[in-house]
Amino acid sequence: AHANIIKDALRELEEAKNSDSFMEDFECEENWSDSDFIIMSPLLGMIKTSGALTKKTMDTVKKCDQLDKLRIDAIPNLFAKIPELVDDLALSLYPPLDWNVSKTEAWKLKDHMEEVITQLGEILGPDHKTWLDFMEKAVKHNTATVQGILIQHGMAQLQLGEEKEKGETVKEVEEKGEGATKNGVSS
């Protein structure tokens, strides 16, 4: 069920992105700017990654024998939040696209997927390390691409580790560097 919700959100966004009439059906007079399409690609990639992670995990669970099933009962609970997080990110991508809102929703999904991947590694063990590493790299790739685009558009700054003040988290450093506006909304 989770994978279907993710597929539906992705399909609807792809339809909206590729068809003016789809947006007209919702009486939406605004459309995406050319720069919006630039950031949408890696954000859609994050949604696709969440779908792939969900599908691969569910396929893995189906292949486990009865003894393994006792150990992996917690897995469905790990995925309970993903459809909601995907939906929130997908909704933030409709015009008018507010990059700050989309980034916030993307980071929530990223953080949860990283947590799920870590927990899956502990639950499933080393036999599943290869595909979990692949999923982790996909999350990091999409995150880095989004961050790069935000930096190019003056909405984030590249922060080196030495620039962090003592006791400050990476998120706090990131938020300190934000201040630029996009679509008239300040962060």
C-alpha atoms as a PDB file:
ATOM      1  CA  ALA A   1       0.000   0.000   0.000  1.00  0.00           C
ATOM      2  CA  HIS A   2       2.840   2.425   0.851  1.00  0.00           C
ATOM      3  CA  ALA A   3       4.509   1.844  -2.513  1.00  0.00           C
ATOM      4  CA  ASN A   4       1.240   2.597  -4.338  1.00  0.00           C
ATOM      5  CA  ILE A   5       0.790   5.913  -2.518  1.00  0.00           C
ATOM      6  CA  ILE A   6       4.334   6.902  -3.472  1.00  0.00           C
ATOM      7  CA  LYS A   7       3.775   5.844  -7.108  1.00  0.00           C
ATOM      8  CA  ASP A   8       0.531   7.843  -7.267  1.00  0.00           C
ATOM      9  CA  ALA A   9       2.177  11.005  -5.936  1.00  0.00           C
ATOM     10  CA  LEU A  10       5.021  10.639  -8.398  1.00  0.00           C
ATOM     11  CA  ARG A  11       2.709   9.903 -11.334  1.00  0.00           C
ATOM     12  CA  GLU A  12       0.523  12.932 -10.597  1.00  0.00           C
ATOM     13  CA  LEU A  13       3.532  15.235 -10.357  1.00  0.00           C
ATOM     14  CA  GLU A  14       4.974  13.904 -13.613  1.00  0.00           C
ATOM     15  CA  GLU A  15       1.591  14.428 -15.324  1.00  0.00           C
ATOM     16  CA  ALA A  16       1.324  17.956 -13.954  1.00  0.00           C
ATOM     17  CA  LYS A  17       4.881  18.747 -14.980  1.00  0.00           C
ATOM     18  CA  ASN A  18       4.365  17.519 -18.542  1.00  0.00           C
ATOM     19  CA  SER A  19       0.840  18.793 -19.223  1.00  0.00           C
ATOM     20  CA  ASP A  20      -0.659  22.263 -19.044  1.00  0.00           C
ATOM     21  CA  SER A  21      -4.167  20.793 -19.147  1.00  0.00           C
ATOM     22  CA  PHE A  22      -3.537  18.809 -15.953  1.00  0.00           C
ATOM     23  CA  MET A  23      -2.930  22.048 -14.048  1.00  0.00           C
ATOM     24  CA  GLU A  24      -5.934  23.706 -15.707  1.00  0.00           C
ATOM     25  CA  ASP A  25      -8.149  20.911 -14.375  1.00  0.00           C
ATOM     26  CA  PHE A  26      -7.257  22.141 -10.887  1.00  0.00           C
ATOM     27  CA  GLU A  27      -7.893  25.746 -11.926  1.00  0.00           C
ATOM     28  CA  CYS A  28      -4.280  26.586 -11.208  1.00  0.00           C
ATOM     29  CA  GLU A  29      -3.306  29.734 -13.050  1.00  0.00           C
ATOM     30  CA  GLU A  30       0.336  29.630 -12.036  1.00  0.00           C
ATOM     31  CA  ASN A  31       2.939  27.401 -13.561  1.00  0.00           C
ATOM     32  CA  TRP A  32       6.501  26.456 -12.789  1.00  0.00           C
ATOM     33  CA  SER A  33       9.391  28.693 -13.746  1.00  0.00           C
ATOM     34  CA  ASP A  34      12.361  27.296 -15.651  1.00  0.00           C
ATOM     35  CA  SER A  35      14.402  27.370 -12.440  1.00  0.00           C
ATOM     36  CA  ASP A  36      11.648  25.437 -10.636  1.00  0.00           C
ATOM     37  CA  PHE A  37      12.175  22.555 -13.058  1.00  0.00           C
ATOM     38  CA  ILE A  38      15.854  22.513 -12.099  1.00  0.00           C
ATOM     39  CA  ILE A  39      15.128  21.827  -8.428  1.00  0.00           C
ATOM     40  CA  MET A  40      12.172  19.551  -9.119  1.00  0.00           C
ATOM     41  CA  SER A  41      14.332  16.892 -10.727  1.00  0.00           C
ATOM     42  CA  PRO A  42      16.364  15.917  -7.632  1.00  0.00           C
ATOM     43  CA  LEU A  43      13.283  16.374  -5.411  1.00  0.00           C
ATOM     44  CA  LEU A  44      11.395  13.930  -7.607  1.00  0.00           C
ATOM     45  CA  GLY A  45      14.495  11.745  -7.343  1.00  0.00           C
ATOM     46  CA  MET A  46      14.039  11.714  -3.562  1.00  0.00           C
ATOM     47  CA  ILE A  47      10.452  10.565  -4.009  1.00  0.00           C
ATOM     48  CA  LYS A  48      11.588   7.867  -6.451  1.00  0.00           C
ATOM     49  CA  THR A  49      14.257   6.748  -3.980  1.00  0.00           C
ATOM     50  CA  SER A  50      11.660   6.422  -1.212  1.00  0.00           C
ATOM     51  CA  GLY A  51       9.559   4.273  -3.549  1.00  0.00           C
ATOM     52  CA  ALA A  52      12.522   2.086  -4.465  1.00  0.00           C
ATOM     53  CA  LEU A  53      13.484   1.707  -0.798  1.00  0.00           C
ATOM     54  CA  THR A  54       9.927   0.734   0.104  1.00  0.00           C
ATOM     55  CA  LYS A  55       9.578  -1.760  -2.760  1.00  0.00           C
ATOM     56  CA  LYS A  56      12.983  -3.395  -2.239  1.00  0.00           C
ATOM     57  CA  THR A  57      12.368  -3.730   1.495  1.00  0.00           C
ATOM     58  CA  MET A  58       8.928  -5.271   1.018  1.00  0.00           C
ATOM     59  CA  ASP A  59      10.337  -7.702  -1.588  1.00  0.00           C
ATOM     60  CA  THR A  60      13.079  -8.654   0.885  1.00  0.00           C
ATOM     61  CA  VAL A  61      10.557  -9.197   3.683  1.00  0.00           C
ATOM     62  CA  LYS A  62       8.476 -11.511   1.457  1.00  0.00           C
ATOM     63  CA  LYS A  63      11.540 -13.684   0.804  1.00  0.00           C
ATOM     64  CA  CYS A  64      12.403 -14.177   4.487  1.00  0.00           C
ATOM     65  CA  ASP A  65      11.633 -17.491   6.130  1.00  0.00           C
ATOM     66  CA  GLN A  66       9.497 -17.808   9.259  1.00  0.00           C
ATOM     67  CA  LEU A  67      12.401 -17.414  11.715  1.00  0.00           C
ATOM     68  CA  ASP A  68      13.508 -14.225   9.978  1.00  0.00           C
ATOM     69  CA  LYS A  69       9.950 -12.879  10.074  1.00  0.00           C
ATOM     70  CA  LEU A  70      10.062 -12.782  13.867  1.00  0.00           C
ATOM     71  CA  ARG A  71      13.113 -10.553  13.652  1.00  0.00           C
ATOM     72  CA  ILE A  72      11.653  -8.177  11.067  1.00  0.00           C
ATOM     73  CA  ASP A  73       8.202  -7.500  12.483  1.00  0.00           C
ATOM     74  CA  ALA A  74       9.242  -3.910  13.164  1.00  0.00           C
ATOM     75  CA  ILE A  75       9.893  -3.108   9.499  1.00  0.00           C
ATOM     76  CA  PRO A  76       6.342  -2.058   8.516  1.00  0.00           C
ATOM     77  CA  ASN A  77       6.384   0.504  11.348  1.00  0.00           C
ATOM     78  CA  LEU A  78       9.563   2.028   9.911  1.00  0.00           C
ATOM     79  CA  PHE A  79       7.694   2.809   6.709  1.00  0.00           C
ATOM     80  CA  ALA A  80       4.512   4.183   8.259  1.00  0.00           C
ATOM     81  CA  LYS A  81       5.692   7.814   7.958  1.00  0.00           C
ATOM     82  CA  ILE A  82       7.087   7.619   4.419  1.00  0.00           C
ATOM     83  CA  PRO A  83       3.775   8.066   2.524  1.00  0.00           C
ATOM     84  CA  GLU A  84       2.922  11.157   4.583  1.00  0.00           C
ATOM     85  CA  LEU A  85       6.405  12.622   4.082  1.00  0.00           C
ATOM     86  CA  VAL A  86       6.269  11.892   0.346  1.00  0.00           C
ATOM     87  CA  ASP A  87       2.835  13.477   0.123  1.00  0.00           C
ATOM     88  CA  ASP A  88       4.036  16.600   1.956  1.00  0.00           C
ATOM     89  CA  LEU A  89       7.024  16.920  -0.380  1.00  0.00           C
ATOM     90  CA  ALA A  90       4.875  16.282  -3.456  1.00  0.00           C
ATOM     91  CA  LEU A  91       2.333  18.918  -2.412  1.00  0.00           C
ATOM     92  CA  SER A  92       5.125  21.451  -1.891  1.00  0.00           C
ATOM     93  CA  LEU A  93       6.187  20.976  -5.517  1.00  0.00           C
ATOM     94  CA  TYR A  94       2.997  22.284  -7.088  1.00  0.00           C
ATOM     95  CA  PRO A  95       3.053  25.892  -8.280  1.00  0.00           C
ATOM     96  CA  PRO A  96       3.706  28.340  -6.973  1.00  0.00           C
ATOM     97  CA  LEU A  97       6.773  26.404  -5.837  1.00  0.00           C
ATOM     98  CA  ASP A  98       8.298  27.820  -2.656  1.00  0.00           C
ATOM     99  CA  TRP A  99      11.817  26.450  -2.611  1.00  0.00           C
ATOM    100  CA  ASN A 100      12.183  26.889   1.152  1.00  0.00           C
ATOM    101  CA  VAL A 101       9.076  24.825   1.859  1.00  0.00           C
ATOM    102  CA  SER A 102      10.155  22.144  -0.637  1.00  0.00           C
ATOM    103  CA  LYS A 103      13.617  21.994   0.937  1.00  0.00           C
ATOM    104  CA  THR A 104      12.114  21.628   4.427  1.00  0.00           C
ATOM    105  CA  GLU A 105       9.858  18.776   3.272  1.00  0.00           C
ATOM    106  CA  ALA A 106      12.691  17.131   1.342  1.00  0.00           C
ATOM    107  CA  TRP A 107      14.976  17.221   4.389  1.00  0.00           C
ATOM    108  CA  LYS A 108      12.258  15.612   6.523  1.00  0.00           C
ATOM    109  CA  LEU A 109      11.980  12.776   3.995  1.00  0.00           C
ATOM    110  CA  LYS A 110      15.781  12.513   3.725  1.00  0.00           C
ATOM    111  CA  ASP A 111      16.207  12.313   7.501  1.00  0.00           C
ATOM    112  CA  HIS A 112      13.547   9.623   7.801  1.00  0.00           C
ATOM    113  CA  MET A 113      14.942   7.570   4.907  1.00  0.00           C
ATOM    114  CA  GLU A 114      18.422   7.716   6.465  1.00  0.00           C
ATOM    115  CA  GLU A 115      16.961   6.534   9.775  1.00  0.00           C
ATOM    116  CA  VAL A 116      15.060   3.720   8.030  1.00  0.00           C
ATOM    117  CA  ILE A 117      18.174   2.606   6.129  1.00  0.00           C
ATOM    118  CA  THR A 118      20.217   2.548   9.349  1.00  0.00           C
ATOM    119  CA  GLN A 119      17.567   0.523  11.181  1.00  0.00           C
ATOM    120  CA  LEU A 120      17.138  -1.842   8.236  1.00  0.00           C
ATOM    121  CA  GLY A 121      20.886  -2.485   8.297  1.00  0.00           C
ATOM    122  CA  GLU A 122      20.638  -3.476  11.953  1.00  0.00           C
ATOM    123  CA  ILE A 123      17.528  -5.630  11.440  1.00  0.00           C
ATOM    124  CA  LEU A 124      18.439  -7.331   8.159  1.00  0.00           C
ATOM    125  CA  GLY A 125      22.168  -7.732   8.758  1.00  0.00           C
ATOM    126  CA  PRO A 126      25.180  -7.790   6.447  1.00  0.00           C
ATOM    127  CA  ASP A 127      23.523  -9.870   3.711  1.00  0.00           C
ATOM    128  CA  HIS A 128      21.598  -6.785   2.651  1.00  0.00           C
ATOM    129  CA  LYS A 129      24.401  -4.239   2.961  1.00  0.00           C
ATOM    130  CA  THR A 130      24.908  -3.781  -0.805  1.00  0.00           C
ATOM    131  CA  TRP A 131      21.417  -2.600  -1.679  1.00  0.00           C
ATOM    132  CA  LEU A 132      21.096  -0.571   1.532  1.00  0.00           C
ATOM    133  CA  ASP A 133      24.375   1.186   0.686  1.00  0.00           C
ATOM    134  CA  PHE A 134      23.000   1.867  -2.799  1.00  0.00           C
ATOM    135  CA  MET A 135      19.844   3.400  -1.314  1.00  0.00           C
ATOM    136  CA  GLU A 136      21.899   5.498   1.092  1.00  0.00           C
ATOM    137  CA  LYS A 137      24.019   6.785  -1.813  1.00  0.00           C
ATOM    138  CA  ALA A 138      20.862   7.648  -3.778  1.00  0.00           C
ATOM    139  CA  VAL A 139      19.524   9.683  -0.830  1.00  0.00           C
ATOM    140  CA  LYS A 140      22.866  11.477  -0.455  1.00  0.00           C
ATOM    141  CA  HIS A 141      23.118  12.127  -4.201  1.00  0.00           C
ATOM    142  CA  ASN A 142      19.675  13.737  -4.377  1.00  0.00           C
ATOM    143  CA  THR A 143      20.338  15.726  -1.203  1.00  0.00           C
ATOM    144  CA  ALA A 144      23.684  16.978  -2.515  1.00  0.00           C
ATOM    145  CA  THR A 145      22.103  17.930  -5.836  1.00  0.00           C
ATOM    146  CA  VAL A 146      19.325  19.893  -4.101  1.00  0.00           C
ATOM    147  CA  GLN A 147      21.872  21.595  -1.839  1.00  0.00           C
ATOM    148  CA  GLY A 148      24.047  22.470  -4.856  1.00  0.00           C
ATOM    149  CA  ILE A 149      21.099  24.056  -6.638  1.00  0.00           C
ATOM    150  CA  LEU A 150      20.168  26.011  -3.520  1.00  0.00           C
ATOM    151  CA  ILE A 151      23.758  27.267  -3.232  1.00  0.00           C
ATOM    152  CA  GLN A 152      23.754  28.313  -6.910  1.00  0.00           C
ATOM    153  CA  HIS A 153      20.574  30.289  -6.327  1.00  0.00           C
ATOM    154  CA  GLY A 154      21.870  31.982  -3.174  1.00  0.00           C
ATOM    155  CA  MET A 155      19.533  30.087  -0.849  1.00  0.00           C
ATOM    156  CA  ALA A 156      22.198  28.146   1.038  1.00  0.00           C
ATOM    157  CA  GLN A 157      25.905  28.378   1.698  1.00  0.00           C
ATOM    158  CA  LEU A 158      28.598  25.804   1.565  1.00  0.00           C
ATOM    159  CA  GLN A 159      29.841  25.392   5.127  1.00  0.00           C
ATOM    160  CA  LEU A 160      33.124  23.714   5.902  1.00  0.00           C
ATOM    161  CA  GLY A 161      33.473  21.719   9.108  1.00  0.00           C
ATOM    162  CA  GLU A 162      35.912  24.200  10.659  1.00  0.00           C
ATOM    163  CA  GLU A 163      33.378  27.018  10.299  1.00  0.00           C
ATOM    164  CA  LYS A 164      31.002  25.422  12.779  1.00  0.00           C
ATOM    165  CA  GLU A 165      30.985  27.041  16.167  1.00  0.00           C
ATOM    166  CA  LYS A 166      31.581  24.756  19.130  1.00  0.00           C
ATOM    167  CA  GLY A 167      28.445  22.789  19.983  1.00  0.00           C
ATOM    168  CA  GLU A 168      26.591  23.960  16.881  1.00  0.00           C
ATOM    169  CA  THR A 169      24.843  21.357  14.754  1.00  0.00           C
ATOM    170  CA  VAL A 170      25.154  21.193  10.980  1.00  0.00           C
ATOM    171  CA  LYS A 171      21.476  22.163  10.719  1.00  0.00           C
ATOM    172  CA  GLU A 172      22.073  25.288  12.807  1.00  0.00           C
ATOM    173  CA  VAL A 173      24.998  26.256  10.570  1.00  0.00           C
ATOM    174  CA  GLU A 174      22.827  25.670   7.510  1.00  0.00           C
ATOM    175  CA  GLU A 175      19.996  27.776   8.932  1.00  0.00           C
ATOM    176  CA  LYS A 176      22.416  30.552   9.850  1.00  0.00           C
ATOM    177  CA  GLY A 177      23.553  30.695   6.225  1.00  0.00           C
ATOM    178  CA  GLU A 178      20.019  30.944   4.898  1.00  0.00           C
ATOM    179  CA  GLY A 179      18.511  34.339   4.576  1.00  0.00           C
ATOM    180  CA  ALA A 180      18.163  34.789   0.873  1.00  0.00           C
ATOM    181  CA  THR A 181      14.662  34.755  -0.460  1.00  0.00           C
ATOM    182  CA  LYS A 182      13.006  32.840  -3.258  1.00  0.00           C
ATOM    183  CA  ASN A 183       9.574  33.763  -4.542  1.00  0.00           C
ATOM    184  CA  GLY A 184       9.404  36.528  -1.958  1.00  0.00           C
ATOM    185  CA  VAL A 185       9.533  34.192   1.046  1.00  0.00           C
ATOM    186  CA  SER A 186      12.455  34.467   3.427  1.00  0.00           C
ATOM    187  CA  SER A 187      13.771  31.494   5.306  1.00  0.00           C
END
